[in-house]
């Protein structure tokens, strides 16, 4: 079973409830906008931060009371992320996209790069096609995430990341 990331918006009060572990006081955000990064969340985390830890972003507060991985990010952290992302483009962030490097670094999902073998020339074309598809897919998810962050920052909202 794959670990998949889902990111939803939260209010400042939702962030405070999550941070303090007082989940009885947590109320869902009226704005139900969300983004699903599926099992590619770790690649997106790496492209955004250069970090290989199995967390998402680095600014969140872990909520141990929730089964699985759950972290909350304050509206201030989201605004800071939006400010940073506003200074770059998806194309610039994708410059470090390298499936062989992802495998080398242990980026979640594993087996990013199809193995090639000179005795089996078709493996080179298969790898090229796989890399092309993965690059386009991740680039689309990254663009969706950036739009999500911009929306959250514009509405003074934080986010909750669940990886289950």
Foldseek 3Di string as FASTA:
>chain_A
DAWWKKKFWAAQQQQVCQQVLVCVSHDHDPPGDMAIPTNCQQVLQCLLPVDNDPDRPPQWHFRVVDPATKTKHFLVRLLVSLVVDVVDDLVVSLPPDDQVVCQVSVRPPHPQAQDDDPVDVVSVVVRVVSSVVVSVSNSVSSVVVSVVSVVSNVVSIIMMMGTD
